[in-house]
């Protein structure tokens, strides 16, 4: 009977090793995705918005929704 429990112990240790390997794979996948997002973010900041190119941006709502609207915030 002892050999059965030793075998069962080996199976449990092997299964936890499988979880450990799956966790390592998942960590690498998440690291690569985060690295890709960070690289894309740096690309947008440097190439798209760098060199005063952000001055060419046109905001369709600029001036239409002011923080202070005198028609609403007037003293009576």
C-alpha atoms as a PDB file:
ATOM      1  CA  UNK A   1       0.000   0.000   0.000  1.00  0.00           C
ATOM      2  CA  UNK A   2       2.922   2.336   0.665  1.00  0.00           C
ATOM      3  CA  UNK A   3       4.067   2.025  -2.930  1.00  0.00           C
ATOM      4  CA  UNK A   4       0.611   3.164  -4.110  1.00  0.00           C
ATOM      5  CA  UNK A   5       0.818   6.320  -1.982  1.00  0.00           C
ATOM      6  CA  UNK A   6       4.362   6.960  -3.204  1.00  0.00           C
ATOM      7  CA  UNK A   7       3.082   6.599  -6.775  1.00  0.00           C
ATOM      8  CA  UNK A   8       0.188   8.956  -5.978  1.00  0.00           C
ATOM      9  CA  UNK A   9       2.660  11.435  -4.509  1.00  0.00           C
ATOM     10  CA  UNK A  10       4.738  11.300  -7.708  1.00  0.00           C
ATOM     11  CA  UNK A  11       1.613  11.912  -9.799  1.00  0.00           C
ATOM     12  CA  UNK A  12       0.705  14.960  -7.707  1.00  0.00           C
ATOM     13  CA  UNK A  13       4.240  16.335  -7.937  1.00  0.00           C
ATOM     14  CA  UNK A  14       4.194  15.811 -11.720  1.00  0.00           C
ATOM     15  CA  UNK A  15       0.795  17.567 -12.033  1.00  0.00           C
ATOM     16  CA  UNK A  16       2.018  20.564 -10.027  1.00  0.00           C
ATOM     17  CA  UNK A  17       5.055  20.719 -12.293  1.00  0.00           C
ATOM     18  CA  UNK A  18       2.618  20.907 -15.194  1.00  0.00           C
ATOM     19  CA  UNK A  19       0.874  23.887 -13.550  1.00  0.00           C
ATOM     20  CA  UNK A  20       4.246  25.523 -13.001  1.00  0.00           C
ATOM     21  CA  UNK A  21       5.174  25.085 -16.672  1.00  0.00           C
ATOM     22  CA  UNK A  22       1.777  26.437 -17.803  1.00  0.00           C
ATOM     23  CA  UNK A  23       2.250  29.441 -15.517  1.00  0.00           C
ATOM     24  CA  UNK A  24       5.670  30.134 -17.014  1.00  0.00           C
ATOM     25  CA  UNK A  25       4.249  29.957 -20.545  1.00  0.00           C
ATOM     26  CA  UNK A  26       1.400  32.287 -19.585  1.00  0.00           C
ATOM     27  CA  UNK A  27       3.847  34.730 -17.994  1.00  0.00           C
ATOM     28  CA  UNK A  28       5.949  34.811 -21.165  1.00  0.00           C
ATOM     29  CA  UNK A  29       2.870  35.387 -23.314  1.00  0.00           C
ATOM     30  CA  UNK A  30       1.717  38.251 -21.081  1.00  0.00           C
ATOM     31  CA  UNK A  31       5.227  39.713 -21.066  1.00  0.00           C
ATOM     32  CA  UNK A  32       5.412  39.663 -24.874  1.00  0.00           C
ATOM     33  CA  UNK A  33       1.957  41.257 -25.205  1.00  0.00           C
ATOM     34  CA  UNK A  34       2.852  43.975 -22.695  1.00  0.00           C
ATOM     35  CA  UNK A  35       6.169  44.604 -24.474  1.00  0.00           C
ATOM     36  CA  UNK A  36       4.369  44.929 -27.808  1.00  0.00           C
ATOM     37  CA  UNK A  37       1.853  47.382 -26.352  1.00  0.00           C
ATOM     38  CA  UNK A  38       4.625  49.423 -24.748  1.00  0.00           C
ATOM     39  CA  UNK A  39       6.584  49.514 -28.022  1.00  0.00           C
ATOM     40  CA  UNK A  40       3.460  50.609 -29.922  1.00  0.00           C
ATOM     41  CA  UNK A  41       2.792  53.310 -27.295  1.00  0.00           C
ATOM     42  CA  UNK A  42       6.357  54.611 -27.662  1.00  0.00           C
ATOM     43  CA  UNK A  43       5.967  54.548 -31.462  1.00  0.00           C
ATOM     44  CA  UNK A  44       2.771  56.623 -31.268  1.00  0.00           C
ATOM     45  CA  UNK A  45       4.385  59.103 -28.886  1.00  0.00           C
ATOM     46  CA  UNK A  46       7.570  59.520 -30.915  1.00  0.00           C
ATOM     47  CA  UNK A  47       6.503  59.133 -34.545  1.00  0.00           C
ATOM     48  CA  UNK A  48       2.865  60.194 -34.625  1.00  0.00           C
ATOM     49  CA  UNK A  49       2.985  62.992 -32.062  1.00  0.00           C
ATOM     50  CA  UNK A  50       6.680  63.880 -32.127  1.00  0.00           C
ATOM     51  CA  UNK A  51       8.193  66.804 -34.025  1.00  0.00           C
ATOM     52  CA  UNK A  52       5.222  69.147 -33.455  1.00  0.00           C
ATOM     53  CA  UNK A  53       2.939  66.964 -35.556  1.00  0.00           C
ATOM     54  CA  UNK A  54       0.368  67.178 -32.775  1.00  0.00           C
ATOM     55  CA  UNK A  55      -0.205  70.839 -33.736  1.00  0.00           C
ATOM     56  CA  UNK A  56      -1.834  69.611 -36.941  1.00  0.00           C
ATOM     57  CA  UNK A  57      -4.459  67.749 -34.913  1.00  0.00           C
ATOM     58  CA  UNK A  58      -8.003  69.019 -35.356  1.00  0.00           C
ATOM     59  CA  UNK A  59     -10.423  68.503 -32.480  1.00  0.00           C
ATOM     60  CA  UNK A  60     -14.048  68.448 -33.633  1.00  0.00           C
ATOM     61  CA  UNK A  61     -15.310  69.354 -30.131  1.00  0.00           C
ATOM     62  CA  UNK A  62     -12.847  72.100 -29.235  1.00  0.00           C
ATOM     63  CA  UNK A  63     -14.724  75.200 -28.102  1.00  0.00           C
ATOM     64  CA  UNK A  64     -18.133  73.550 -28.291  1.00  0.00           C
ATOM     65  CA  UNK A  65     -18.185  72.214 -24.725  1.00  0.00           C
ATOM     66  CA  UNK A  66     -16.471  74.805 -22.526  1.00  0.00           C
ATOM     67  CA  UNK A  67     -15.773  74.119 -18.866  1.00  0.00           C
ATOM     68  CA  UNK A  68     -17.392  77.421 -17.930  1.00  0.00           C
ATOM     69  CA  UNK A  69     -20.536  78.305 -19.828  1.00  0.00           C
ATOM     70  CA  UNK A  70     -21.674  81.883 -19.072  1.00  0.00           C
ATOM     71  CA  UNK A  71     -25.262  81.036 -20.037  1.00  0.00           C
ATOM     72  CA  UNK A  72     -25.426  78.419 -17.280  1.00  0.00           C
ATOM     73  CA  UNK A  73     -23.186  80.027 -14.649  1.00  0.00           C
ATOM     74  CA  UNK A  74     -24.585  83.561 -14.467  1.00  0.00           C
ATOM     75  CA  UNK A  75     -25.324  85.534 -11.325  1.00  0.00           C
ATOM     76  CA  UNK A  76     -28.838  86.829 -11.005  1.00  0.00           C
END
